[in-house]
C-alpha atoms as a PDB file:
ATOM      1  CA  MET A   1      -1.673  14.295  -4.540  1.00  0.00           C
ATOM      2  CA  ASN A   2      -4.414  13.853  -1.701  1.00  0.00           C
ATOM      3  CA  SER A   3      -6.002  10.379  -1.379  1.00  0.00           C
ATOM      4  CA  THR A   4      -8.570   8.944   1.019  1.00  0.00           C
ATOM      5  CA  VAL A   5      -8.081   5.964   3.020  1.00  0.00           C
ATOM      6  CA  SER A   6     -11.057   4.591   4.851  1.00  0.00           C
ATOM      7  CA  ILE A   7     -10.232   2.951   8.039  1.00  0.00           C
ATOM      8  CA  LEU A   8     -12.615   0.519   9.642  1.00  0.00           C
ATOM      9  CA  ALA A   9     -11.144  -0.786  13.177  1.00  0.00           C
ATOM     10  CA  GLU A  10     -12.107  -2.613  16.131  1.00  0.00           C
ATOM     11  CA  ILE A  11     -10.770  -0.890  19.085  1.00  0.00           C
ATOM     12  CA  PRO A  12     -11.060  -1.868  22.880  1.00  0.00           C
ATOM     13  CA  GLU A  13     -14.120  -1.025  24.612  1.00  0.00           C
ATOM     14  CA  GLU A  14     -12.300   1.082  27.287  1.00  0.00           C
ATOM     15  CA  LEU A  15     -10.755   3.078  24.384  1.00  0.00           C
ATOM     16  CA  HIS A  16     -14.119   3.617  22.827  1.00  0.00           C
ATOM     17  CA  GLU A  17     -15.509   4.776  26.149  1.00  0.00           C
ATOM     18  CA  THR A  18     -12.636   7.024  26.612  1.00  0.00           C
ATOM     19  CA  LEU A  19     -12.974   8.558  23.140  1.00  0.00           C
ATOM     20  CA  ARG A  20     -16.831   9.053  23.281  1.00  0.00           C
ATOM     21  CA  SER A  21     -16.285  10.753  26.870  1.00  0.00           C
ATOM     22  CA  TYR A  22     -13.582  12.926  25.332  1.00  0.00           C
ATOM     23  CA  LEU A  23     -15.526  13.977  22.462  1.00  0.00           C
ATOM     24  CA  GLU A  24     -18.542  14.722  24.543  1.00  0.00           C
ATOM     25  CA  THR A  25     -16.349  17.140  26.498  1.00  0.00           C
ATOM     26  CA  HIS A  26     -14.497  18.698  23.589  1.00  0.00           C
ATOM     27  CA  PRO A  27     -16.993  19.988  21.167  1.00  0.00           C
ATOM     28  CA  ASP A  28     -14.344  21.457  18.828  1.00  0.00           C
ATOM     29  CA  TRP A  29     -13.036  17.944  18.405  1.00  0.00           C
ATOM     30  CA  ASP A  30     -14.516  15.026  16.179  1.00  0.00           C
ATOM     31  CA  GLN A  31     -13.627  11.370  15.608  1.00  0.00           C
ATOM     32  CA  ASP A  32     -11.759  11.952  12.593  1.00  0.00           C
ATOM     33  CA  ARG A  33      -9.869  14.919  13.994  1.00  0.00           C
ATOM     34  CA  VAL A  34      -8.398  12.592  17.100  1.00  0.00           C
ATOM     35  CA  PHE A  35      -7.678   9.786  14.637  1.00  0.00           C
ATOM     36  CA  ALA A  36      -5.600  12.145  12.538  1.00  0.00           C
ATOM     37  CA  ALA A  37      -3.903  13.579  15.522  1.00  0.00           C
ATOM     38  CA  ALA A  38      -3.213  10.111  16.935  1.00  0.00           C
ATOM     39  CA  LEU A  39      -1.975   8.480  13.524  1.00  0.00           C
ATOM     40  CA  SER A  40       0.115  11.379  12.734  1.00  0.00           C
ATOM     41  CA  LEU A  41       1.890  11.452  16.342  1.00  0.00           C
ATOM     42  CA  PHE A  42       2.469   7.555  16.055  1.00  0.00           C
ATOM     43  CA  LEU A  43       4.003   8.074  12.727  1.00  0.00           C
ATOM     44  CA  LEU A  44       6.125  10.820  14.051  1.00  0.00           C
ATOM     45  CA  GLN A  45       7.239   8.892  17.106  1.00  0.00           C
ATOM     46  CA  ASN A  46       7.866   5.592  14.954  1.00  0.00           C
ATOM     47  CA  GLY A  47       9.247   7.007  11.588  1.00  0.00           C
ATOM     48  CA  SER A  48      12.833   7.820  10.796  1.00  0.00           C
ATOM     49  CA  CYS A  49      13.900  10.530   8.448  1.00  0.00           C
ATOM     50  CA  SER A  50      17.155   8.928   7.173  1.00  0.00           C
ATOM     51  CA  SER A  51      16.662   9.358   3.390  1.00  0.00           C
ATOM     52  CA  THR A  52      14.986  12.251   1.264  1.00  0.00           C
ATOM     53  CA  ASP A  53      11.848  10.312   0.943  1.00  0.00           C
ATOM     54  CA  THR A  54      11.254   9.421   4.619  1.00  0.00           C
ATOM     55  CA  SER A  55      12.382  12.980   5.573  1.00  0.00           C
ATOM     56  CA  ARG A  56       9.670  14.157   3.160  1.00  0.00           C
ATOM     57  CA  SER A  57       7.056  11.676   4.752  1.00  0.00           C
ATOM     58  CA  TYR A  58       8.122  12.901   8.146  1.00  0.00           C
ATOM     59  CA  ARG A  59       7.578  16.331   7.454  1.00  0.00           C
ATOM     60  CA  SER A  60       4.273  15.483   6.083  1.00  0.00           C
ATOM     61  CA  ALA A  61       3.378  13.826   9.126  1.00  0.00           C
ATOM     62  CA  ALA A  62       4.397  16.582  11.345  1.00  0.00           C
ATOM     63  CA  LYS A  63       2.363  19.080   9.200  1.00  0.00           C
ATOM     64  CA  VAL A  64      -0.566  17.129   9.690  1.00  0.00           C
ATOM     65  CA  TYR A  65      -0.028  16.719  13.395  1.00  0.00           C
ATOM     66  CA  LEU A  66       0.205  20.311  14.093  1.00  0.00           C
ATOM     67  CA  ASN A  67      -2.653  21.423  11.812  1.00  0.00           C
ATOM     68  CA  THR A  68      -4.925  18.884  13.434  1.00  0.00           C
ATOM     69  CA  LEU A  69      -4.126  20.064  16.896  1.00  0.00           C
ATOM     70  CA  PHE A  70      -4.250  23.822  16.161  1.00  0.00           C
ATOM     71  CA  GLN A  71      -7.035  23.730  13.477  1.00  0.00           C
ATOM     72  CA  HIS A  72     -10.386  24.459  15.177  1.00  0.00           C
ATOM     73  CA  SER A  73     -12.337  22.686  12.437  1.00  0.00           C
ATOM     74  CA  PHE A  74     -10.859  19.684  10.554  1.00  0.00           C
END
């Protein structure tokens, strides 16, 4: 099942400016794609796959990360 999670978060101004600059120079990317890539990479780096459920979640995060990186439109 796919569900949508809405995220409203404050980020440091330096990070905002860097994101804005990145998006201006990479027209194939948008804010949602950047956040999906960043969040899935974070979950990959900080998750574990010791049980069946966490292993499935880990594979799902890996799939999202790779699809986000190599997909031209998200």
